[in-house]
All heavy atoms as atom14 arrays in JSON, in Angstrom:
{
  "sequence": "ASLAVLTAAVTGMAAAQTKGLKVEVVSSRPELVT",
  "atom14_mask": [
    [1, 1, 1, 1, 1, 0, 0, 0, 0, 0, 0, 0, 0, 0],
    [1, 1, 1, 1, 1, 1, 0, 0, 0, 0, 0, 0, 0, 0],
    [1, 1, 1, 1, 1, 1, 1, 1, 0, 0, 0, 0, 0, 0],
    [1, 1, 1, 1, 1, 0, 0, 0, 0, 0, 0, 0, 0, 0],
    [1, 1, 1, 1, 1, 1, 1, 0, 0, 0, 0, 0, 0, 0],
    [1, 1, 1, 1, 1, 1, 1, 1, 0, 0, 0, 0, 0, 0],
    [1, 1, 1, 1, 1, 1, 1, 0, 0, 0, 0, 0, 0, 0],
    [1, 1, 1, 1, 1, 0, 0, 0, 0, 0, 0, 0, 0, 0],
    [1, 1, 1, 1, 1, 0, 0, 0, 0, 0, 0, 0, 0, 0],
    [1, 1, 1, 1, 1, 1, 1, 0, 0, 0, 0, 0, 0, 0],
    [1, 1, 1, 1, 1, 1, 1, 0, 0, 0, 0, 0, 0, 0],
    [1, 1, 1, 1, 0, 0, 0, 0, 0, 0, 0, 0, 0, 0],
    [1, 1, 1, 1, 1, 1, 1, 1, 0, 0, 0, 0, 0, 0],
    [1, 1, 1, 1, 1, 0, 0, 0, 0, 0, 0, 0, 0, 0],
    [1, 1, 1, 1, 1, 0, 0, 0, 0, 0, 0, 0, 0, 0],
    [1, 1, 1, 1, 1, 0, 0, 0, 0, 0, 0, 0, 0, 0],
    [1, 1, 1, 1, 1, 1, 1, 1, 1, 0, 0, 0, 0, 0],
    [1, 1, 1, 1, 1, 1, 1, 0, 0, 0, 0, 0, 0, 0],
    [1, 1, 1, 1, 1, 1, 1, 1, 1, 0, 0, 0, 0, 0],
    [1, 1, 1, 1, 0, 0, 0, 0, 0, 0, 0, 0, 0, 0],
    [1, 1, 1, 1, 1, 1, 1, 1, 0, 0, 0, 0, 0, 0],
    [1, 1, 1, 1, 1, 1, 1, 1, 1, 0, 0, 0, 0, 0],
    [1, 1, 1, 1, 1, 1, 1, 0, 0, 0, 0, 0, 0, 0],
    [1, 1, 1, 1, 1, 1, 1, 1, 1, 0, 0, 0, 0, 0],
    [1, 1, 1, 1, 1, 1, 1, 0, 0, 0, 0, 0, 0, 0],
    [1, 1, 1, 1, 1, 1, 1, 0, 0, 0, 0, 0, 0, 0],
    [1, 1, 1, 1, 1, 1, 0, 0, 0, 0, 0, 0, 0, 0],
    [1, 1, 1, 1, 1, 1, 0, 0, 0, 0, 0, 0, 0, 0],
    [1, 1, 1, 1, 1, 1, 1, 1, 1, 1, 1, 0, 0, 0],
    [1, 1, 1, 1, 1, 1, 1, 0, 0, 0, 0, 0, 0, 0],
    [1, 1, 1, 1, 1, 1, 1, 1, 1, 0, 0, 0, 0, 0],
    [1, 1, 1, 1, 1, 1, 1, 1, 0, 0, 0, 0, 0, 0],
    [1, 1, 1, 1, 1, 1, 1, 0, 0, 0, 0, 0, 0, 0],
    [1, 1, 1, 1, 1, 1, 1, 0, 0, 0, 0, 0, 0, 0]
  ],
  "atom14_positions": [
    [[12.76, 13.07, 8.6], [12.17, 12.32, 7.48], [11.18, 11.15, 7.96], [10.23, 10.93, 7.5], [13.18, 11.75, 6.55], [0.0, 0.0, 0.0], [0.0, 0.0, 0.0], [0.0, 0.0, 0.0], [0.0, 0.0, 0.0], [0.0, 0.0, 0.0], [0.0, 0.0, 0.0], [0.0, 0.0, 0.0], [0.0, 0.0, 0.0], [0.0, 0.0, 0.0]],
    [[11.79, 10.61, 9.04], [10.91, 9.44, 9.6], [9.58, 10.03, 10.09], [8.55, 9.35, 9.84], [11.63, 8.89, 10.74], [10.89, 7.9, 11.43], [0.0, 0.0, 0.0], [0.0, 0.0, 0.0], [0.0, 0.0, 0.0], [0.0, 0.0, 0.0], [0.0, 0.0, 0.0], [0.0, 0.0, 0.0], [0.0, 0.0, 0.0], [0.0, 0.0, 0.0]],
    [[9.66, 11.11, 10.77], [8.34, 11.66, 11.35], [7.44, 12.17, 10.21], [6.23, 12.08, 10.34], [8.61, 12.79, 12.29], [9.37, 12.33, 13.64], [9.65, 13.58, 14.45], [8.38, 11.32, 14.34], [0.0, 0.0, 0.0], [0.0, 0.0, 0.0], [0.0, 0.0, 0.0], [0.0, 0.0, 0.0], [0.0, 0.0, 0.0], [0.0, 0.0, 0.0]],
    [[8.05, 12.62, 9.13], [7.2, 13.14, 8.04], [6.4, 12.08, 7.33], [5.32, 12.23, 7.06], [8.28, 13.81, 6.98], [0.0, 0.0, 0.0], [0.0, 0.0, 0.0], [0.0, 0.0, 0.0], [0.0, 0.0, 0.0], [0.0, 0.0, 0.0], [0.0, 0.0, 0.0], [0.0, 0.0, 0.0], [0.0, 0.0, 0.0], [0.0, 0.0, 0.0]],
    [[7.1, 10.87, 7.34], [6.39, 9.86, 6.58], [5.35, 9.17, 7.69], [4.22, 8.85, 7.35], [7.37, 8.77, 6.21], [6.57, 7.61, 5.56], [8.27, 9.33, 5.06], [0.0, 0.0, 0.0], [0.0, 0.0, 0.0], [0.0, 0.0, 0.0], [0.0, 0.0, 0.0], [0.0, 0.0, 0.0], [0.0, 0.0, 0.0], [0.0, 0.0, 0.0]],
    [[5.7, 9.23, 8.89], [4.73, 8.64, 9.87], [3.55, 9.29, 9.95], [2.5, 8.71, 10.25], [5.5, 8.62, 11.25], [4.9, 8.1, 12.45], [4.55, 6.42, 12.23], [5.52, 8.32, 13.72], [0.0, 0.0, 0.0], [0.0, 0.0, 0.0], [0.0, 0.0, 0.0], [0.0, 0.0, 0.0], [0.0, 0.0, 0.0], [0.0, 0.0, 0.0]],
    [[3.65, 10.71, 9.81], [2.35, 11.39, 9.98], [1.55, 11.49, 8.75], [0.46, 12.08, 8.66], [2.65, 12.89, 10.43], [3.58, 13.35, 9.44], [3.33, 12.92, 11.79], [0.0, 0.0, 0.0], [0.0, 0.0, 0.0], [0.0, 0.0, 0.0], [0.0, 0.0, 0.0], [0.0, 0.0, 0.0], [0.0, 0.0, 0.0], [0.0, 0.0, 0.0]],
    [[2.01, 10.89, 7.57], [1.34, 10.85, 6.22], [0.0, 9.93, 6.52], [-0.11, 9.03, 7.36], [2.2, 10.31, 5.22], [0.0, 0.0, 0.0], [0.0, 0.0, 0.0], [0.0, 0.0, 0.0], [0.0, 0.0, 0.0], [0.0, 0.0, 0.0], [0.0, 0.0, 0.0], [0.0, 0.0, 0.0], [0.0, 0.0, 0.0], [0.0, 0.0, 0.0]],
    [[-0.88, 10.19, 5.67], [-2.23, 9.4, 5.74], [-1.99, 7.99, 5.36], [-1.18, 7.63, 4.39], [-3.16, 9.97, 4.9], [0.0, 0.0, 0.0], [0.0, 0.0, 0.0], [0.0, 0.0, 0.0], [0.0, 0.0, 0.0], [0.0, 0.0, 0.0], [0.0, 0.0, 0.0], [0.0, 0.0, 0.0], [0.0, 0.0, 0.0], [0.0, 0.0, 0.0]],
    [[-2.44, 7.01, 6.13], [-2.38, 5.64, 5.82], [-3.53, 5.2, 4.98], [-4.65, 5.15, 5.57], [-2.24, 4.83, 7.17], [-2.15, 3.36, 6.75], [-1.06, 5.18, 7.92], [0.0, 0.0, 0.0], [0.0, 0.0, 0.0], [0.0, 0.0, 0.0], [0.0, 0.0, 0.0], [0.0, 0.0, 0.0], [0.0, 0.0, 0.0], [0.0, 0.0, 0.0]],
    [[-3.37, 4.91, 3.78], [-4.5, 4.61, 2.87], [-3.97, 3.41, 2.06], [-2.96, 2.98, 2.04], [-4.87, 5.82, 1.93], [-3.68, 6.24, 1.17], [-5.27, 7.0, 2.83], [0.0, 0.0, 0.0], [0.0, 0.0, 0.0], [0.0, 0.0, 0.0], [0.0, 0.0, 0.0], [0.0, 0.0, 0.0], [0.0, 0.0, 0.0], [0.0, 0.0, 0.0]],
    [[-4.92, 2.95, 1.21], [-4.59, 1.87, 0.34], [-5.48, 0.67, 0.61], [-6.08, 0.63, 1.55], [0.0, 0.0, 0.0], [0.0, 0.0, 0.0], [0.0, 0.0, 0.0], [0.0, 0.0, 0.0], [0.0, 0.0, 0.0], [0.0, 0.0, 0.0], [0.0, 0.0, 0.0], [0.0, 0.0, 0.0], [0.0, 0.0, 0.0], [0.0, 0.0, 0.0]],
    [[-5.17, -0.32, -0.22], [-5.86, -1.61, -0.01], [-4.93, -2.71, -0.36], [-3.73, -2.45, -0.95], [-7.04, -1.66, -0.9], [-6.88, -1.34, -2.38], [-8.39, -1.22, -3.34], [-7.79, -0.43, -4.82], [0.0, 0.0, 0.0], [0.0, 0.0, 0.0], [0.0, 0.0, 0.0], [0.0, 0.0, 0.0], [0.0, 0.0, 0.0], [0.0, 0.0, 0.0]],
    [[-5.25, -3.96, 0.09], [-4.34, -5.02, -0.06], [-4.01, -5.32, -1.45], [-2.93, -5.73, -1.98], [-4.78, -6.33, 0.64], [0.0, 0.0, 0.0], [0.0, 0.0, 0.0], [0.0, 0.0, 0.0], [0.0, 0.0, 0.0], [0.0, 0.0, 0.0], [0.0, 0.0, 0.0], [0.0, 0.0, 0.0], [0.0, 0.0, 0.0], [0.0, 0.0, 0.0]],
    [[-5.06, -5.18, -2.31], [-4.85, -5.54, -3.78], [-5.86, -4.71, -4.63], [-6.81, -4.2, -4.04], [-5.09, -7.01, -4.1], [0.0, 0.0, 0.0], [0.0, 0.0, 0.0], [0.0, 0.0, 0.0], [0.0, 0.0, 0.0], [0.0, 0.0, 0.0], [0.0, 0.0, 0.0], [0.0, 0.0, 0.0], [0.0, 0.0, 0.0], [0.0, 0.0, 0.0]],
    [[-5.44, -4.39, -5.82], [-6.48, -3.76, -6.81], [-6.67, -4.66, -7.9], [-5.84, -5.42, -8.38], [-5.7, -2.5, -7.27], [0.0, 0.0, 0.0], [0.0, 0.0, 0.0], [0.0, 0.0, 0.0], [0.0, 0.0, 0.0], [0.0, 0.0, 0.0], [0.0, 0.0, 0.0], [0.0, 0.0, 0.0], [0.0, 0.0, 0.0], [0.0, 0.0, 0.0]],
    [[-7.97, -4.68, -8.34], [-8.37, -5.47, -9.42], [-9.39, -4.77, -10.37], [-10.38, -4.22, -9.88], [-9.0, -6.82, -8.9], [-9.29, -7.76, -10.03], [-9.6, -9.16, -9.53], [-9.53, -9.37, -8.26], [-9.88, -10.17, -10.3], [0.0, 0.0, 0.0], [0.0, 0.0, 0.0], [0.0, 0.0, 0.0], [0.0, 0.0, 0.0], [0.0, 0.0, 0.0]],
    [[-9.01, -4.74, -11.62], [-10.01, -4.11, -12.64], [-10.23, -5.29, -13.75], [-9.22, -5.69, -14.31], [-9.34, -2.81, -13.24], [-9.09, -1.96, -12.25], [-10.42, -2.29, -14.31], [0.0, 0.0, 0.0], [0.0, 0.0, 0.0], [0.0, 0.0, 0.0], [0.0, 0.0, 0.0], [0.0, 0.0, 0.0], [0.0, 0.0, 0.0], [0.0, 0.0, 0.0]],
    [[-11.45, -5.56, -14.01], [-11.78, -6.67, -14.83], [-11.01, -7.85, -14.46], [-11.16, -8.34, -13.4], [-11.45, -6.13, -16.28], [-12.33, -4.99, -16.89], [-12.06, -4.68, -18.23], [-13.03, -3.57, -18.78], [-12.63, -3.11, -20.13], [0.0, 0.0, 0.0], [0.0, 0.0, 0.0], [0.0, 0.0, 0.0], [0.0, 0.0, 0.0], [0.0, 0.0, 0.0]],
    [[-10.19, -8.44, -15.39], [-9.4, -9.56, -15.16], [-8.02, -9.46, -14.49], [-7.38, -10.49, -14.1], [0.0, 0.0, 0.0], [0.0, 0.0, 0.0], [0.0, 0.0, 0.0], [0.0, 0.0, 0.0], [0.0, 0.0, 0.0], [0.0, 0.0, 0.0], [0.0, 0.0, 0.0], [0.0, 0.0, 0.0], [0.0, 0.0, 0.0], [0.0, 0.0, 0.0]],
    [[-7.55, -8.19, -14.38], [-6.26, -7.93, -14.04], [-6.11, -7.6, -12.59], [-6.91, -6.74, -11.99], [-5.62, -6.81, -14.8], [-4.0, -6.75, -14.82], [-3.4, -7.92, -15.39], [-3.62, -5.47, -15.58], [0.0, 0.0, 0.0], [0.0, 0.0, 0.0], [0.0, 0.0, 0.0], [0.0, 0.0, 0.0], [0.0, 0.0, 0.0], [0.0, 0.0, 0.0]],
    [[-5.29, -8.25, -11.65], [-5.11, -8.05, -10.36], [-3.66, -7.68, -9.94], [-2.76, -8.29, -10.36], [-5.5, -9.33, -9.54], [-5.49, -9.21, -8.12], [-5.97, -10.54, -7.43], [-5.87, -10.37, -5.82], [-6.37, -11.6, -5.23], [0.0, 0.0, 0.0], [0.0, 0.0, 0.0], [0.0, 0.0, 0.0], [0.0, 0.0, 0.0], [0.0, 0.0, 0.0]],
    [[-3.58, -6.78, -9.08], [-2.29, -6.21, -8.58], [-2.28, -6.33, -7.16], [-3.13, -5.84, -6.45], [-1.92, -4.8, -9.04], [-0.5, -4.32, -8.58], [-1.86, -4.7, -10.6], [0.0, 0.0, 0.0], [0.0, 0.0, 0.0], [0.0, 0.0, 0.0], [0.0, 0.0, 0.0], [0.0, 0.0, 0.0], [0.0, 0.0, 0.0], [0.0, 0.0, 0.0]],
    [[-1.15, -7.02, -6.57], [-1.09, -7.12, -5.11], [0.33, -7.05, -4.69], [1.23, -7.45, -5.3], [-1.74, -8.41, -4.59], [-1.21, -9.66, -5.19], [-1.88, -10.92, -4.69], [-2.25, -10.97, -3.62], [-1.99, -11.76, -5.7], [0.0, 0.0, 0.0], [0.0, 0.0, 0.0], [0.0, 0.0, 0.0], [0.0, 0.0, 0.0], [0.0, 0.0, 0.0]],
    [[0.59, -6.41, -3.39], [1.93, -6.33, -2.88], [1.98, -7.64, -2.04], [1.15, -8.01, -1.23], [2.07, -5.16, -1.96], [3.45, -5.2, -1.34], [2.0, -3.92, -2.83], [0.0, 0.0, 0.0], [0.0, 0.0, 0.0], [0.0, 0.0, 0.0], [0.0, 0.0, 0.0], [0.0, 0.0, 0.0], [0.0, 0.0, 0.0], [0.0, 0.0, 0.0]],
    [[3.08, -8.5, -2.39], [3.21, -9.74, -1.61], [4.16, -9.58, -0.41], [3.93, -10.48, 0.56], [3.85, -10.78, -2.65], [4.16, -12.1, -1.93], [2.98, -10.96, -3.91], [0.0, 0.0, 0.0], [0.0, 0.0, 0.0], [0.0, 0.0, 0.0], [0.0, 0.0, 0.0], [0.0, 0.0, 0.0], [0.0, 0.0, 0.0], [0.0, 0.0, 0.0]],
    [[5.08, -8.65, -0.38], [6.12, -8.63, 0.65], [5.57, -7.94, 2.0], [6.16, -8.07, 3.04], [7.36, -7.92, 0.18], [7.05, -6.75, -0.49], [0.0, 0.0, 0.0], [0.0, 0.0, 0.0], [0.0, 0.0, 0.0], [0.0, 0.0, 0.0], [0.0, 0.0, 0.0], [0.0, 0.0, 0.0], [0.0, 0.0, 0.0], [0.0, 0.0, 0.0]],
    [[4.52, -7.07, 1.91], [4.01, -6.5, 2.94], [2.5, -5.84, 2.67], [2.04, -6.24, 1.56], [4.96, -5.23, 3.29], [4.79, -4.22, 2.25], [0.0, 0.0, 0.0], [0.0, 0.0, 0.0], [0.0, 0.0, 0.0], [0.0, 0.0, 0.0], [0.0, 0.0, 0.0], [0.0, 0.0, 0.0], [0.0, 0.0, 0.0], [0.0, 0.0, 0.0]],
    [[1.95, -5.3, 3.59], [0.87, -4.5, 3.19], [1.11, -3.38, 2.25], [2.15, -2.73, 2.48], [0.07, -3.97, 4.45], [-0.38, -5.04, 5.49], [-0.89, -4.38, 6.74], [-2.14, -3.58, 6.46], [-3.38, -3.94, 6.66], [-3.6, -5.12, 7.31], [-4.37, -3.23, 6.48], [0.0, 0.0, 0.0], [0.0, 0.0, 0.0], [0.0, 0.0, 0.0]],
    [[0.29, -2.93, 1.28], [0.75, -1.87, 0.53], [0.85, -0.55, 1.09], [1.6, 0.32, 0.72], [-0.51, -1.82, -0.55], [-1.61, -2.38, 0.13], [-1.0, -3.6, 0.95], [0.0, 0.0, 0.0], [0.0, 0.0, 0.0], [0.0, 0.0, 0.0], [0.0, 0.0, 0.0], [0.0, 0.0, 0.0], [0.0, 0.0, 0.0], [0.0, 0.0, 0.0]],
    [[0.17, -0.32, 2.23], [0.3, 0.93, 2.88], [1.43, 0.86, 3.99], [1.71, 1.93, 4.59], [-1.03, 1.31, 3.71], [-1.37, 0.4, 4.8], [-2.29, -0.77, 4.35], [-1.81, -1.59, 3.54], [-3.32, -0.89, 4.91], [0.0, 0.0, 0.0], [0.0, 0.0, 0.0], [0.0, 0.0, 0.0], [0.0, 0.0, 0.0], [0.0, 0.0, 0.0]],
    [[2.23, -0.19, 4.05], [3.28, -0.27, 4.97], [4.52, -0.91, 4.28], [5.13, -1.73, 4.83], [2.86, -1.15, 6.14], [1.66, -0.67, 6.96], [1.37, -1.67, 8.11], [1.98, 0.65, 7.59], [0.0, 0.0, 0.0], [0.0, 0.0, 0.0], [0.0, 0.0, 0.0], [0.0, 0.0, 0.0], [0.0, 0.0, 0.0], [0.0, 0.0, 0.0]],
    [[4.82, -0.38, 3.18], [6.11, -0.75, 2.46], [7.41, -0.13, 3.08], [7.14, 1.11, 3.49], [6.02, -0.46, 1.02], [7.35, -0.7, 0.27], [4.82, -1.24, 0.35], [0.0, 0.0, 0.0], [0.0, 0.0, 0.0], [0.0, 0.0, 0.0], [0.0, 0.0, 0.0], [0.0, 0.0, 0.0], [0.0, 0.0, 0.0], [0.0, 0.0, 0.0]],
    [[8.49, -0.73, 3.2], [9.53, -0.12, 3.77], [10.82, -0.32, 2.86], [10.9, -1.36, 2.1], [9.9, -0.59, 5.21], [10.5, -1.92, 5.2], [8.78, -0.49, 6.03], [0.0, 0.0, 0.0], [0.0, 0.0, 0.0], [0.0, 0.0, 0.0], [0.0, 0.0, 0.0], [0.0, 0.0, 0.0], [0.0, 0.0, 0.0], [0.0, 0.0, 0.0]]
  ]
}
């Protein structure tokens, strides 16, 4: 399972914002959540 996730594509961005609404992961990078 570890190797399966490791080989997955690393994508994403630190935060997403549309108009006035902003979403961000505070505890880690969004592409490196554990």
